[in-house]
N, C-alpha and C. Protein backbone atom coordinates (compact mmCIF):
# COMPACT_ATOMS: atom_id res chain seq x y z
N MET A 1 10.83 306.18 104.12
CA MET A 1 10.21 307.29 103.14
C MET A 1 11.33 307.83 102.16
N GLN A 2 10.57 308.16 100.83
CA GLN A 2 11.30 308.44 99.77
C GLN A 2 12.04 309.70 99.87
N ASP A 3 12.91 309.75 99.03
CA ASP A 3 13.66 311.30 99.04
C ASP A 3 12.78 312.22 98.75
N TYR A 4 11.61 312.09 97.78
CA TYR A 4 11.05 313.19 97.42
C TYR A 4 9.93 313.62 98.74
N GLU A 5 9.66 312.67 99.43
CA GLU A 5 8.77 312.97 100.31
C GLU A 5 9.72 313.64 101.56
N ILE A 6 10.90 313.11 101.89
CA ILE A 6 11.69 313.94 102.95
C ILE A 6 11.80 315.45 102.42
N VAL A 7 12.09 315.62 101.06
CA VAL A 7 12.26 316.98 100.63
C VAL A 7 11.00 317.89 100.84
N TYR A 8 9.77 317.06 100.54
CA TYR A 8 8.50 318.03 100.58
C TYR A 8 8.37 318.51 102.21
N ASP A 9 8.99 317.41 102.81
CA ASP A 9 8.80 317.90 104.40
C ASP A 9 9.63 318.89 104.83
N ALA A 10 10.88 318.81 104.33
CA ALA A 10 12.11 319.92 104.58
C ALA A 10 11.69 321.09 104.16
N ILE A 11 10.87 321.24 102.87
CA ILE A 11 10.49 322.56 102.23
C ILE A 11 9.37 323.15 103.31
N TYR A 12 8.56 322.18 103.61
CA TYR A 12 7.33 322.68 104.34
C TYR A 12 8.06 323.26 105.62
N ARG A 13 8.81 322.65 106.21
CA ARG A 13 9.34 323.13 107.67
C ARG A 13 10.00 324.38 107.26
N VAL A 14 10.75 324.60 106.41
CA VAL A 14 11.60 326.08 106.14
C VAL A 14 10.54 327.25 105.51
N THR A 15 9.54 326.69 104.71
CA THR A 15 8.88 327.80 103.93
C THR A 15 7.31 327.90 104.44
N GLY A 16 6.85 326.50 104.93
CA GLY A 16 5.22 326.58 105.12
C GLY A 16 4.47 326.31 103.81
N ILE A 17 5.05 325.98 102.83
CA ILE A 17 4.37 325.56 101.68
C ILE A 17 4.26 324.13 101.38
N SER A 18 3.04 323.78 101.39
CA SER A 18 2.93 322.19 101.55
C SER A 18 3.13 321.55 100.17
N LYS A 19 3.27 320.10 99.99
CA LYS A 19 3.49 319.44 98.87
C LYS A 19 2.19 320.07 97.87
N THR A 20 0.92 319.98 98.46
CA THR A 20 -0.19 320.25 97.43
C THR A 20 -0.17 321.38 96.82
N LYS A 21 0.39 322.65 97.58
CA LYS A 21 0.61 323.97 97.07
C LYS A 21 1.69 324.02 96.17
N MET A 22 2.68 323.24 96.32
CA MET A 22 3.78 323.02 95.37
C MET A 22 3.46 322.48 94.01
N ARG A 23 2.62 321.60 94.22
CA ARG A 23 2.14 320.76 92.99
C ARG A 23 0.99 321.53 92.13
N SER A 24 0.53 322.69 92.97
CA SER A 24 -0.53 323.52 92.15
C SER A 24 0.12 324.42 91.05
N ARG A 25 -0.86 325.04 90.33
CA ARG A 25 -0.49 325.85 89.34
C ARG A 25 -0.43 327.49 89.90
N SER A 26 -0.42 327.77 91.19
CA SER A 26 -0.34 328.81 91.72
C SER A 26 1.09 329.59 91.17
N ARG A 27 1.02 330.94 91.08
CA ARG A 27 2.15 331.64 90.77
C ARG A 27 2.58 332.65 91.88
N LEU A 28 1.98 332.47 92.79
CA LEU A 28 2.26 333.19 93.97
C LEU A 28 3.74 333.26 94.42
N TRP A 29 4.37 334.17 94.75
CA TRP A 29 5.90 334.08 94.91
C TRP A 29 6.44 332.99 96.07
N PRO A 30 5.62 332.97 97.15
CA PRO A 30 6.16 332.00 98.29
C PRO A 30 6.13 330.50 97.71
N ILE A 31 5.05 330.29 96.56
CA ILE A 31 4.87 328.77 96.10
C ILE A 31 5.78 328.81 94.97
N VAL A 32 6.08 329.57 94.14
CA VAL A 32 7.15 329.56 93.30
C VAL A 32 8.66 329.55 93.80
N GLU A 33 8.97 330.06 94.96
CA GLU A 33 10.09 329.97 95.65
C GLU A 33 10.16 328.51 96.17
N ALA A 34 9.15 327.95 96.66
CA ALA A 34 9.22 326.63 97.25
C ALA A 34 9.66 325.59 96.09
N ARG A 35 9.00 325.78 94.99
CA ARG A 35 9.24 325.00 93.56
C ARG A 35 10.53 325.13 93.28
N MET A 36 11.04 326.14 93.19
CA MET A 36 12.51 326.57 92.79
C MET A 36 13.32 325.73 93.90
N LEU A 37 13.25 325.55 95.27
CA LEU A 37 14.09 325.20 96.05
C LEU A 37 14.00 323.52 95.85
N PHE A 38 12.78 323.09 95.45
CA PHE A 38 12.53 321.71 95.17
C PHE A 38 13.52 321.39 94.05
N VAL A 39 13.30 322.01 92.87
CA VAL A 39 13.76 321.68 91.76
C VAL A 39 15.45 321.83 91.86
N LEU A 40 16.07 322.92 92.44
CA LEU A 40 17.49 323.03 92.77
C LEU A 40 17.94 321.98 93.62
N PHE A 41 17.32 321.65 94.73
CA PHE A 41 17.64 320.39 95.59
C PHE A 41 17.78 319.22 94.60
N PHE A 42 16.99 318.76 94.02
CA PHE A 42 17.01 317.43 93.16
C PHE A 42 18.11 317.55 92.16
N ASP A 43 18.30 318.82 91.34
CA ASP A 43 19.37 318.87 90.44
C ASP A 43 20.69 318.54 91.24
N ARG A 44 21.06 319.26 92.34
CA ARG A 44 22.10 319.13 93.08
C ARG A 44 22.23 317.74 93.53
N ARG A 45 21.39 316.99 93.64
CA ARG A 45 21.35 315.46 94.03
C ARG A 45 21.42 314.55 92.83
N GLY A 46 21.51 315.16 91.64
CA GLY A 46 21.78 314.36 90.35
C GLY A 46 20.33 313.74 89.90
N HIS A 47 19.33 314.38 90.32
CA HIS A 47 18.22 313.73 89.53
C HIS A 47 18.07 314.49 88.11
N ASP A 48 17.40 313.98 87.18
CA ASP A 48 17.29 314.64 85.93
C ASP A 48 15.97 315.40 85.97
N ASP A 49 15.91 316.32 85.04
CA ASP A 49 14.86 317.05 85.04
C ASP A 49 13.51 316.44 84.70
N GLN A 50 13.53 315.31 83.96
CA GLN A 50 12.29 314.72 83.65
C GLN A 50 11.66 314.06 84.99
N SER A 51 12.42 313.48 85.63
CA SER A 51 11.83 312.89 86.88
C SER A 51 11.34 313.68 87.97
N THR A 52 12.09 315.12 87.83
CA THR A 52 11.44 316.07 88.93
C THR A 52 10.14 316.70 88.27
N ALA A 53 10.25 316.85 87.00
CA ALA A 53 8.97 317.26 86.38
C ALA A 53 7.78 316.32 86.59
N TRP A 54 8.06 315.04 86.66
CA TRP A 54 7.03 314.15 86.87
C TRP A 54 6.51 314.24 88.30
N GLU A 55 7.47 314.41 89.31
CA GLU A 55 7.08 314.45 90.44
C GLU A 55 6.10 315.82 90.88
N LEU A 56 6.43 317.03 90.01
CA LEU A 56 5.80 318.22 90.35
C LEU A 56 4.61 318.39 89.29
N GLY A 57 4.45 317.50 88.52
CA GLY A 57 3.46 317.53 87.59
C GLY A 57 3.50 318.75 86.41
N ARG A 58 4.61 318.71 86.07
CA ARG A 58 5.18 319.84 85.26
C ARG A 58 5.92 319.12 84.08
N ASP A 59 6.13 320.12 82.97
CA ASP A 59 6.78 319.69 81.69
C ASP A 59 8.26 319.79 82.05
N ARG A 60 9.07 319.00 81.45
CA ARG A 60 10.55 318.96 81.59
C ARG A 60 11.03 320.34 81.16
N THR A 61 10.63 321.08 80.44
CA THR A 61 11.03 322.33 79.87
C THR A 61 10.84 323.34 81.09
N THR A 62 9.68 323.23 81.75
CA THR A 62 9.22 324.00 82.75
C THR A 62 10.45 323.79 83.80
N ILE A 63 10.80 322.65 84.06
CA ILE A 63 11.60 322.43 85.29
C ILE A 63 13.24 323.00 84.83
N LEU A 64 13.36 322.83 83.55
CA LEU A 64 14.74 323.39 82.97
C LEU A 64 14.79 325.03 83.39
N ASN A 65 13.70 325.72 82.96
CA ASN A 65 13.69 327.11 83.27
C ASN A 65 13.74 327.36 84.75
N THR A 66 13.12 326.55 85.49
CA THR A 66 13.05 326.73 86.89
C THR A 66 14.33 326.60 87.55
N ARG A 67 15.00 325.61 87.07
CA ARG A 67 16.57 325.22 87.59
C ARG A 67 17.38 326.33 87.23
N HIS A 68 17.34 326.89 85.86
CA HIS A 68 18.28 328.07 85.65
C HIS A 68 17.91 329.30 86.71
N LYS A 69 16.57 329.56 86.68
CA LYS A 69 16.31 330.90 87.49
C LYS A 69 16.85 330.58 89.04
N ALA A 70 16.68 329.27 89.46
CA ALA A 70 17.06 329.01 90.74
C ALA A 70 18.41 329.17 91.06
N GLU A 71 19.18 328.70 90.00
CA GLU A 71 20.82 328.81 90.11
C GLU A 71 21.07 330.17 90.22
N GLU A 72 20.41 331.02 89.26
CA GLU A 72 20.70 332.49 89.37
C GLU A 72 20.49 333.12 90.69
N TYR A 73 19.18 332.69 91.21
CA TYR A 73 18.72 333.47 92.61
C TYR A 73 19.52 332.95 93.79
N ILE A 74 20.13 331.80 93.70
CA ILE A 74 20.89 331.27 94.74
C ILE A 74 22.21 332.20 94.89
N GLY A 75 22.65 332.63 93.75
CA GLY A 75 23.87 333.51 93.78
C GLY A 75 23.53 334.95 94.28
N ILE A 76 22.40 335.32 94.22
CA ILE A 76 22.14 336.82 94.50
C ILE A 76 21.20 337.12 95.59
N SER A 77 20.55 336.05 96.19
CA SER A 77 19.60 336.18 97.31
C SER A 77 20.13 335.39 98.57
N MET A 78 20.58 336.09 99.80
CA MET A 78 20.86 335.12 100.74
C MET A 78 19.82 334.63 101.43
N ALA A 79 18.64 335.19 101.59
CA ALA A 79 17.36 334.60 102.05
C ALA A 79 17.09 333.22 101.45
N PHE A 80 17.14 333.14 99.89
CA PHE A 80 17.16 331.97 99.26
C PHE A 80 18.07 331.00 99.46
N LYS A 81 19.20 331.39 99.56
CA LYS A 81 20.50 330.47 99.93
C LYS A 81 20.30 329.83 101.39
N ASP A 82 19.99 330.77 102.22
CA ASP A 82 19.70 330.08 103.86
C ASP A 82 18.76 329.34 103.77
N LYS A 83 17.82 329.47 103.12
CA LYS A 83 16.57 328.51 102.95
C LYS A 83 16.92 327.34 102.41
N PHE A 84 17.71 327.15 101.18
CA PHE A 84 18.20 326.08 100.55
C PHE A 84 19.20 325.26 101.44
N ASN A 85 20.01 325.95 102.30
CA ASN A 85 21.00 325.30 103.24
C ASN A 85 20.08 324.58 104.33
N LYS A 86 19.05 325.16 104.81
CA LYS A 86 18.43 324.56 106.11
C LYS A 86 17.68 323.38 105.59
N ILE A 87 17.19 323.51 104.26
CA ILE A 87 16.51 322.38 103.68
C ILE A 87 17.51 321.19 103.51
N LYS A 88 18.82 321.33 103.13
CA LYS A 88 19.97 320.36 103.15
C LYS A 88 20.21 319.78 104.46
N GLU A 89 20.06 320.60 105.35
CA GLU A 89 20.44 320.15 106.76
C GLU A 89 19.12 319.28 107.27
N ILE A 90 17.93 319.59 107.14
CA ILE A 90 16.85 318.73 107.62
C ILE A 90 16.81 317.52 106.65
N TYR A 91 17.23 317.52 105.40
CA TYR A 91 17.21 316.47 104.60
C TYR A 91 18.28 315.25 105.12
N GLY A 92 19.62 315.92 105.39
CA GLY A 92 20.72 315.07 106.04
C GLY A 92 20.37 314.36 107.27
N ARG A 93 19.63 315.22 108.17
CA ARG A 93 19.35 314.60 109.27
C ARG A 93 18.38 313.44 109.10
N ALA A 94 17.35 313.57 108.35
CA ALA A 94 16.15 312.67 108.01
C ALA A 94 17.10 311.46 107.47
N LYS A 95 17.92 311.58 106.46
CA LYS A 95 18.55 310.53 105.90
C LYS A 95 19.50 309.62 106.88
N SER A 96 20.00 310.21 107.76
CA SER A 96 20.91 309.71 108.67
C SER A 96 20.31 308.86 109.74
N VAL A 97 18.98 309.00 109.87
CA VAL A 97 18.22 308.24 110.85
C VAL A 97 17.84 306.76 110.52
């Protein structure tokens, strides 16, 4: 299983937002939050904005803006930070198998 698929699955387990919804154009907060988690996770794994943009079907500049917002949000929202940490745990377990 590729890294992207593992992360989509981890985000689904934590937020209940599917890959299809994350890739949609919806601006509902739960879906936006899931996208922010996805972008932040891959940024911290060393992926560039262009490859993340391609995976989510977005422009690179959209990913850049999302990443900056996610970095701010993780510093002020404990709920967001907890979700991010749960995704990291699920990803780590999946990669160790």
